[in-house]
Amino acid sequence: MKHTLKVTLVILAMFLITQIIGLAVIKTYTTGWHVQEEVNGQIVKSNITREIPYGLAPPEAKPEVSLVSIVIAIVVATILIILLTRVRATMFIKVWFAFVVLITLAVTFATLIHPYIALAVAAILTYIKIWRRDLIVHNATELLIYPGLATIFVPILNIFTTILLLLLLSVYDFYAVIKSKHMIEMAKFQMKELKIFTGFFLPYAKKEDLEKLRKIQELEKKRLKEAKAKGKKLKEIPGKEKIKVNVAILGGGDVAFPLIFAGVVLNSGYGFLGGLIIALFSTLALFYLLLTARKGKFYPAMPFISAGSLIGFLIVWFLVGVL
């Protein structure tokens, strides 16, 4: 197992929660929620839905054209990020990331509150996430970013084009992680230079290292108290730098694209349950990857997650045909 069982389960839980939130957000902006109300003694059926705010509603286009546009956008964005990382344009990349985070968070929040209030809340969280670098805010916002992102793309795709997209991304992910390794370099640049990461980010340490850290902290407090009493400066504690912190990460694309596929299936007449089944199978595929992966190695997640999503869709398709 690549990470501890506890960390693995947390990653899986965040992945699945994001998928469920995403399906709810996508349904709100696409098919809507069917509700029944009693008015003057009669049952009245209505559909609760919302339009994507801020002028982000995608224009009418053939799914094939949309697929080509998305692929081109991914290629251009990847090349641009690689170039920006080479020239160390950290501020530009941060502003770029901040804009994407702001918009996608606002789209998600706008399902529940007024779009302008949603934008204000998203702006505060974006500032904390990008410039204050709070770990809890980072992972909490990751649960809400991808639902907003997926909502923008779902209406312009169909099942066939999204399957093609998953296959293309799986091949690209394998090449970028195993062959060229530029995906690994970009991830390291984000964490070391930008101090941010587009995806789930969970640092953790072994029990013995945590115990060592606890003892060091107690010793620091004691020495600080003694140093203040004597009016002396506190020196560095030997061995402090030897504490090792592991990091569990899952890239944003590995979360967003299976959600887009599940959302397209939902929007294609298979309903919320159809999308949920796909989300469950993509989660199981991710669990298999984390269970069989070895420590210290990087693995492309999209081939596994895409396979799980497609198996889930086959089951949905079979169940719909039988029922």
Protein backbone atom coordinates (compact mmCIF):
# COMPACT_ATOMS: atom_id res chain seq x y z
CA MET A 1 0.00 0.00 0.00
CA LYS A 2 1.37 3.39 -1.01
CA HIS A 3 0.09 5.22 2.09
CA THR A 4 -1.23 4.26 5.50
CA LEU A 5 -4.74 2.81 5.62
CA LYS A 6 -6.07 5.89 7.40
CA VAL A 7 -4.65 8.29 4.80
CA THR A 8 -5.85 6.04 1.96
CA LEU A 9 -9.39 6.05 3.34
CA VAL A 10 -9.33 9.84 3.73
CA ILE A 11 -8.24 10.29 0.09
CA LEU A 12 -10.96 7.90 -1.07
CA ALA A 13 -13.58 9.65 1.07
CA MET A 14 -12.65 13.07 -0.32
CA PHE A 15 -12.74 11.71 -3.87
CA LEU A 16 -16.19 10.15 -3.42
CA ILE A 17 -17.61 13.18 -1.58
CA THR A 18 -16.45 15.41 -4.43
CA GLN A 19 -18.19 13.14 -6.94
CA ILE A 20 -21.45 13.22 -4.97
CA ILE A 21 -21.36 17.00 -4.48
CA GLY A 22 -20.51 17.37 -8.15
CA LEU A 23 -23.44 15.26 -9.28
CA ALA A 24 -25.79 17.34 -7.11
CA VAL A 25 -24.41 20.60 -8.53
CA ILE A 26 -24.54 19.31 -12.12
CA LYS A 27 -28.13 18.12 -11.68
CA THR A 28 -29.11 21.54 -10.32
CA TYR A 29 -27.73 23.25 -13.44
CA THR A 30 -28.90 20.68 -16.01
CA THR A 31 -31.91 18.40 -15.47
CA GLY A 32 -33.01 20.06 -12.23
CA TRP A 33 -34.71 18.57 -9.18
CA HIS A 34 -38.30 17.38 -9.42
CA VAL A 35 -40.33 18.32 -6.35
CA GLN A 36 -43.97 18.04 -5.31
CA GLU A 37 -45.84 20.68 -3.34
CA GLU A 38 -49.34 20.86 -2.00
CA VAL A 39 -51.10 24.03 -3.15
CA ASN A 40 -54.73 24.60 -2.17
CA GLY A 41 -55.15 20.92 -1.47
CA GLN A 42 -53.69 19.84 -4.81
CA ILE A 43 -50.31 18.23 -5.52
CA VAL A 44 -48.32 20.43 -7.86
CA LYS A 45 -45.17 19.14 -9.53
CA SER A 46 -42.34 21.53 -10.34
CA ASN A 47 -38.74 21.44 -11.43
CA ILE A 48 -36.07 23.34 -9.52
CA THR A 49 -33.12 24.29 -11.69
CA ARG A 50 -30.67 27.15 -12.14
CA GLU A 51 -28.73 28.71 -14.96
CA ILE A 52 -24.95 28.72 -14.76
CA PRO A 53 -24.10 32.25 -13.54
CA TYR A 54 -21.50 34.85 -14.57
CA GLY A 55 -22.12 34.26 -18.28
CA LEU A 56 -20.39 30.88 -18.12
CA ALA A 57 -23.21 28.91 -19.72
CA PRO A 58 -21.53 27.12 -22.66
CA PRO A 59 -22.69 27.99 -26.19
CA GLU A 60 -24.49 25.46 -28.35
CA ALA A 61 -21.94 23.26 -30.11
CA LYS A 62 -21.65 19.74 -31.44
CA PRO A 63 -20.09 17.37 -28.87
CA GLU A 64 -17.39 16.42 -31.40
CA VAL A 65 -16.39 20.06 -31.77
CA SER A 66 -16.43 20.48 -27.99
CA LEU A 67 -14.15 17.46 -27.58
CA VAL A 68 -11.58 18.89 -29.99
CA SER A 69 -11.78 22.26 -28.25
CA ILE A 70 -11.23 20.68 -24.81
CA VAL A 71 -8.27 18.62 -26.03
CA ILE A 72 -6.67 21.68 -27.64
CA ALA A 73 -7.27 23.70 -24.46
CA ILE A 74 -5.62 20.99 -22.32
CA VAL A 75 -2.60 20.82 -24.63
CA VAL A 76 -2.19 24.61 -24.74
CA ALA A 77 -2.64 24.94 -20.96
CA THR A 78 -0.09 22.18 -20.30
CA ILE A 79 2.50 23.73 -22.60
CA LEU A 80 1.91 27.14 -21.06
CA ILE A 81 2.30 25.83 -17.51
CA ILE A 82 5.51 24.00 -18.44
CA LEU A 83 6.93 27.20 -19.96
CA LEU A 84 5.89 29.27 -16.95
CA THR A 85 7.47 26.80 -14.56
CA ARG A 86 10.73 26.93 -16.53
CA VAL A 87 10.89 30.73 -16.22
CA ARG A 88 9.70 30.58 -12.59
CA ALA A 89 6.70 32.86 -13.24
CA THR A 90 5.23 32.00 -9.84
CA MET A 91 3.07 35.09 -9.39
CA PHE A 92 1.45 34.72 -12.82
CA ILE A 93 0.67 31.04 -12.16
CA LYS A 94 -0.78 31.87 -8.73
CA VAL A 95 -3.06 34.52 -10.20
CA TRP A 96 -4.13 32.07 -12.92
CA PHE A 97 -4.90 29.37 -10.36
CA ALA A 98 -6.68 31.89 -8.14
CA PHE A 99 -8.97 32.95 -10.99
CA VAL A 100 -9.94 29.34 -11.76
CA VAL A 101 -10.52 28.59 -8.07
CA LEU A 102 -12.61 31.75 -7.64
CA ILE A 103 -14.91 31.04 -10.58
CA THR A 104 -15.42 27.33 -9.95
CA LEU A 105 -16.08 27.81 -6.23
CA ALA A 106 -18.57 30.57 -7.00
CA VAL A 107 -20.43 28.37 -9.50
CA THR A 108 -20.78 25.66 -6.84
CA PHE A 109 -21.90 28.07 -4.11
CA ALA A 110 -24.38 29.73 -6.47
CA THR A 111 -26.53 26.59 -6.37
CA LEU A 112 -27.50 27.55 -2.80
CA ILE A 113 -27.00 31.32 -2.45
CA HIS A 114 -27.18 34.44 -4.60
CA PRO A 115 -24.41 34.51 -7.25
CA TYR A 116 -22.92 37.78 -5.93
CA ILE A 117 -22.78 36.45 -2.37
CA ALA A 118 -21.33 33.21 -3.72
CA LEU A 119 -18.62 35.21 -5.49
CA ALA A 120 -17.75 37.06 -2.28
CA VAL A 121 -17.49 33.84 -0.25
CA ALA A 122 -15.42 32.25 -3.01
CA ALA A 123 -13.06 35.24 -3.06
CA ILE A 124 -12.36 34.92 0.67
CA LEU A 125 -11.68 31.20 0.43
CA THR A 126 -9.53 31.68 -2.67
CA TYR A 127 -7.34 34.20 -0.85
CA ILE A 128 -6.89 31.85 2.11
CA LYS A 129 -6.21 28.89 -0.18
CA ILE A 130 -3.66 30.51 -2.48
CA TRP A 131 -1.92 33.09 -0.30
CA ARG A 132 -2.47 31.98 3.31
CA ARG A 133 -2.03 28.27 2.49
CA ASP A 134 -4.29 26.75 5.11
CA LEU A 135 -4.35 22.95 4.78
CA ILE A 136 -7.95 22.50 5.91
CA VAL A 137 -9.22 25.26 3.60
CA HIS A 138 -7.17 23.82 0.74
CA ASN A 139 -8.72 20.35 0.91
CA ALA A 140 -12.20 21.64 1.78
CA THR A 141 -12.24 23.89 -1.28
CA GLU A 142 -10.98 21.05 -3.46
CA LEU A 143 -14.26 19.27 -2.69
CA LEU A 144 -16.13 22.21 -4.25
CA ILE A 145 -13.86 23.33 -7.09
CA TYR A 146 -14.36 20.32 -9.36
CA PRO A 147 -18.18 20.33 -9.14
CA GLY A 148 -18.14 23.90 -10.47
CA LEU A 149 -15.60 23.02 -13.14
CA ALA A 150 -17.47 19.93 -14.31
CA THR A 151 -20.74 21.87 -14.52
CA ILE A 152 -19.29 24.11 -17.25
CA PHE A 153 -18.25 21.16 -19.46
CA VAL A 154 -21.06 18.65 -18.99
CA PRO A 155 -23.67 20.44 -21.20
CA ILE A 156 -21.35 20.46 -24.26
CA LEU A 157 -20.43 16.77 -24.21
CA ASN A 158 -22.19 13.46 -24.80
CA ILE A 159 -21.35 9.96 -23.60
CA PHE A 160 -19.39 8.94 -26.69
CA THR A 161 -17.17 12.04 -26.78
CA THR A 162 -16.57 11.87 -23.02
CA ILE A 163 -15.46 8.24 -23.29
CA LEU A 164 -13.01 9.30 -26.00
CA LEU A 165 -11.82 12.09 -23.72
CA LEU A 166 -11.22 9.64 -20.87
CA LEU A 167 -9.25 7.32 -23.13
CA LEU A 168 -7.11 10.16 -24.50
CA LEU A 169 -6.44 11.50 -21.01
CA SER A 170 -5.50 8.03 -19.77
CA VAL A 171 -2.90 7.66 -22.53
CA TYR A 172 -1.61 11.19 -21.86
CA ASP A 173 -1.44 10.59 -18.10
CA PHE A 174 0.56 7.40 -18.61
CA TYR A 175 3.00 9.20 -20.91
CA ALA A 176 3.30 12.27 -18.68
CA VAL A 177 3.98 10.27 -15.51
CA ILE A 178 5.87 7.18 -16.74
CA LYS A 179 7.66 8.36 -19.89
CA SER A 180 8.31 12.11 -19.99
CA LYS A 181 7.71 12.54 -16.22
CA HIS A 182 6.82 16.20 -16.78
CA MET A 183 3.64 15.72 -14.73
CA ILE A 184 5.80 14.78 -11.74
CA GLU A 185 8.01 17.82 -12.27
CA MET A 186 4.98 20.12 -12.45
CA ALA A 187 3.59 18.65 -9.22
CA LYS A 188 6.92 19.13 -7.43
CA PHE A 189 7.14 22.71 -8.72
CA GLN A 190 3.68 23.46 -7.38
CA MET A 191 4.49 22.13 -3.94
CA LYS A 192 8.03 23.49 -3.58
CA GLU A 193 7.91 26.80 -5.45
CA LEU A 194 4.24 27.83 -5.47
CA LYS A 195 3.43 26.23 -2.10
CA ILE A 196 0.08 25.15 -3.57
CA PHE A 197 -1.22 22.03 -5.29
CA THR A 198 -4.13 21.49 -7.69
CA GLY A 199 -5.63 18.44 -6.04
CA PHE A 200 -5.94 16.72 -2.69
CA PHE A 201 -2.90 17.23 -0.46
CA LEU A 202 -2.41 15.29 2.78
CA PRO A 203 0.90 15.46 4.65
CA TYR A 204 1.36 12.80 7.32
CA ALA A 205 4.09 11.24 9.44
CA LYS A 206 4.77 7.87 11.03
CA LYS A 207 3.81 7.30 14.67
CA GLU A 208 7.43 7.25 15.80
CA ASP A 209 8.12 10.53 13.98
CA LEU A 210 5.05 12.13 15.53
CA GLU A 211 6.20 10.99 18.97
CA LYS A 212 9.63 12.42 18.24
CA LEU A 213 8.04 15.70 17.16
CA ARG A 214 5.95 15.82 20.34
CA LYS A 215 9.05 15.39 22.49
CA ILE A 216 10.91 18.06 20.54
CA GLN A 217 8.01 20.47 20.97
CA GLU A 218 7.95 19.82 24.73
CA LEU A 219 11.71 20.35 24.88
CA GLU A 220 11.40 23.57 22.87
CA LYS A 221 8.81 24.96 25.27
CA LYS A 222 11.02 24.08 28.24
CA ARG A 223 14.15 25.58 26.70
CA LEU A 224 12.28 28.68 25.54
CA LYS A 225 11.04 29.26 29.08
CA GLU A 226 14.55 28.84 30.45
CA ALA A 227 16.06 31.09 27.77
CA LYS A 228 13.56 33.86 28.47
CA ALA A 229 14.31 33.65 32.19
CA LYS A 230 18.05 34.03 31.50
CA GLY A 231 17.64 36.56 28.68
CA LYS A 232 19.38 34.32 26.14
CA LYS A 233 18.53 33.29 22.56
CA LEU A 234 17.13 29.83 21.89
CA LYS A 235 19.41 27.60 19.77
CA GLU A 236 18.22 25.04 17.21
CA ILE A 237 17.48 21.60 18.67
CA PRO A 238 19.71 18.87 17.18
CA GLY A 239 17.83 16.26 15.14
CA LYS A 240 14.80 18.45 14.47
CA GLU A 241 15.41 18.41 10.73
CA LYS A 242 15.44 14.60 10.65
CA ILE A 243 11.68 14.27 11.09
CA LYS A 244 10.24 12.92 7.84
CA VAL A 245 6.84 14.01 6.56
CA ASN A 246 5.14 11.94 3.85
CA VAL A 247 2.64 13.46 1.43
CA ALA A 248 -0.39 11.82 -0.18
CA ILE A 249 -1.59 13.64 -3.29
CA LEU A 250 -4.24 13.16 -5.94
CA GLY A 251 -4.21 15.47 -8.94
CA GLY A 252 -7.21 17.62 -9.77
CA GLY A 253 -7.65 16.10 -13.21
CA ASP A 254 -8.00 12.66 -11.63
CA VAL A 255 -10.98 14.02 -9.70
CA ALA A 256 -12.56 16.31 -12.31
CA PHE A 257 -12.69 14.10 -15.41
CA PRO A 258 -14.48 11.08 -13.92
CA LEU A 259 -16.93 13.59 -12.43
CA ILE A 260 -17.48 15.11 -15.89
CA PHE A 261 -18.21 11.64 -17.27
CA ALA A 262 -20.61 10.82 -14.43
CA GLY A 263 -22.29 14.19 -14.98
CA VAL A 264 -22.67 13.59 -18.72
CA VAL A 265 -24.27 10.21 -17.99
CA LEU A 266 -26.63 11.91 -15.52
CA ASN A 267 -27.52 14.55 -18.09
CA SER A 268 -28.06 11.91 -20.80
CA GLY A 269 -31.13 10.40 -19.17
CA TYR A 270 -29.58 7.92 -16.74
CA GLY A 271 -30.30 10.16 -13.77
CA PHE A 272 -28.55 10.83 -10.49
CA LEU A 273 -28.37 7.11 -9.65
CA GLY A 274 -26.58 6.36 -12.93
CA GLY A 275 -23.98 9.02 -12.19
CA LEU A 276 -23.62 7.77 -8.61
CA ILE A 277 -22.92 4.21 -9.74
CA ILE A 278 -20.13 5.49 -11.98
CA ALA A 279 -18.74 7.53 -9.07
CA LEU A 280 -18.71 4.43 -6.86
CA PHE A 281 -16.83 2.35 -9.43
CA SER A 282 -14.29 5.09 -10.12
CA THR A 283 -13.72 5.24 -6.35
CA LEU A 284 -13.20 1.47 -6.23
CA ALA A 285 -10.69 1.76 -9.09
CA LEU A 286 -8.79 4.44 -7.19
CA PHE A 287 -8.82 2.24 -4.09
CA TYR A 288 -7.30 -0.62 -6.10
CA LEU A 289 -4.54 1.69 -7.33
CA LEU A 290 -3.72 2.98 -3.83
CA LEU A 291 -3.86 -0.56 -2.45
CA THR A 292 -1.43 -2.04 -5.00
CA ALA A 293 0.88 0.98 -5.45
CA ARG A 294 4.29 0.94 -3.83
CA LYS A 295 5.76 3.68 -1.64
CA GLY A 296 8.09 6.19 -3.23
CA LYS A 297 6.73 5.69 -6.75
CA PHE A 298 4.45 7.84 -8.90
CA TYR A 299 1.56 6.26 -10.76
CA PRO A 300 -0.81 7.60 -13.44
CA ALA A 301 -4.26 7.48 -11.87
CA MET A 302 -6.39 8.23 -14.94
CA PRO A 303 -6.02 4.78 -16.60
CA PHE A 304 -7.35 3.12 -13.44
CA ILE A 305 -10.08 5.68 -12.72
CA SER A 306 -11.20 5.72 -16.36
CA ALA A 307 -11.44 1.92 -16.36
CA GLY A 308 -13.55 2.04 -13.21
CA SER A 309 -15.80 4.74 -14.68
CA LEU A 310 -16.34 2.75 -17.88
CA ILE A 311 -17.13 -0.44 -15.95
CA GLY A 312 -19.63 1.57 -13.94
CA PHE A 313 -21.24 2.88 -17.11
CA LEU A 314 -21.54 -0.64 -18.56
CA ILE A 315 -23.36 -1.71 -15.39
CA VAL A 316 -25.66 1.33 -15.59
CA TRP A 317 -26.36 0.64 -19.25
CA PHE A 318 -27.09 -3.02 -18.49
CA LEU A 319 -29.38 -2.20 -15.56
CA VAL A 320 -31.33 0.33 -17.61
CA GLY A 321 -31.72 -2.19 -20.42
CA VAL A 322 -32.93 -4.91 -18.05
CA LEU A 323 -35.24 -2.73 -15.99
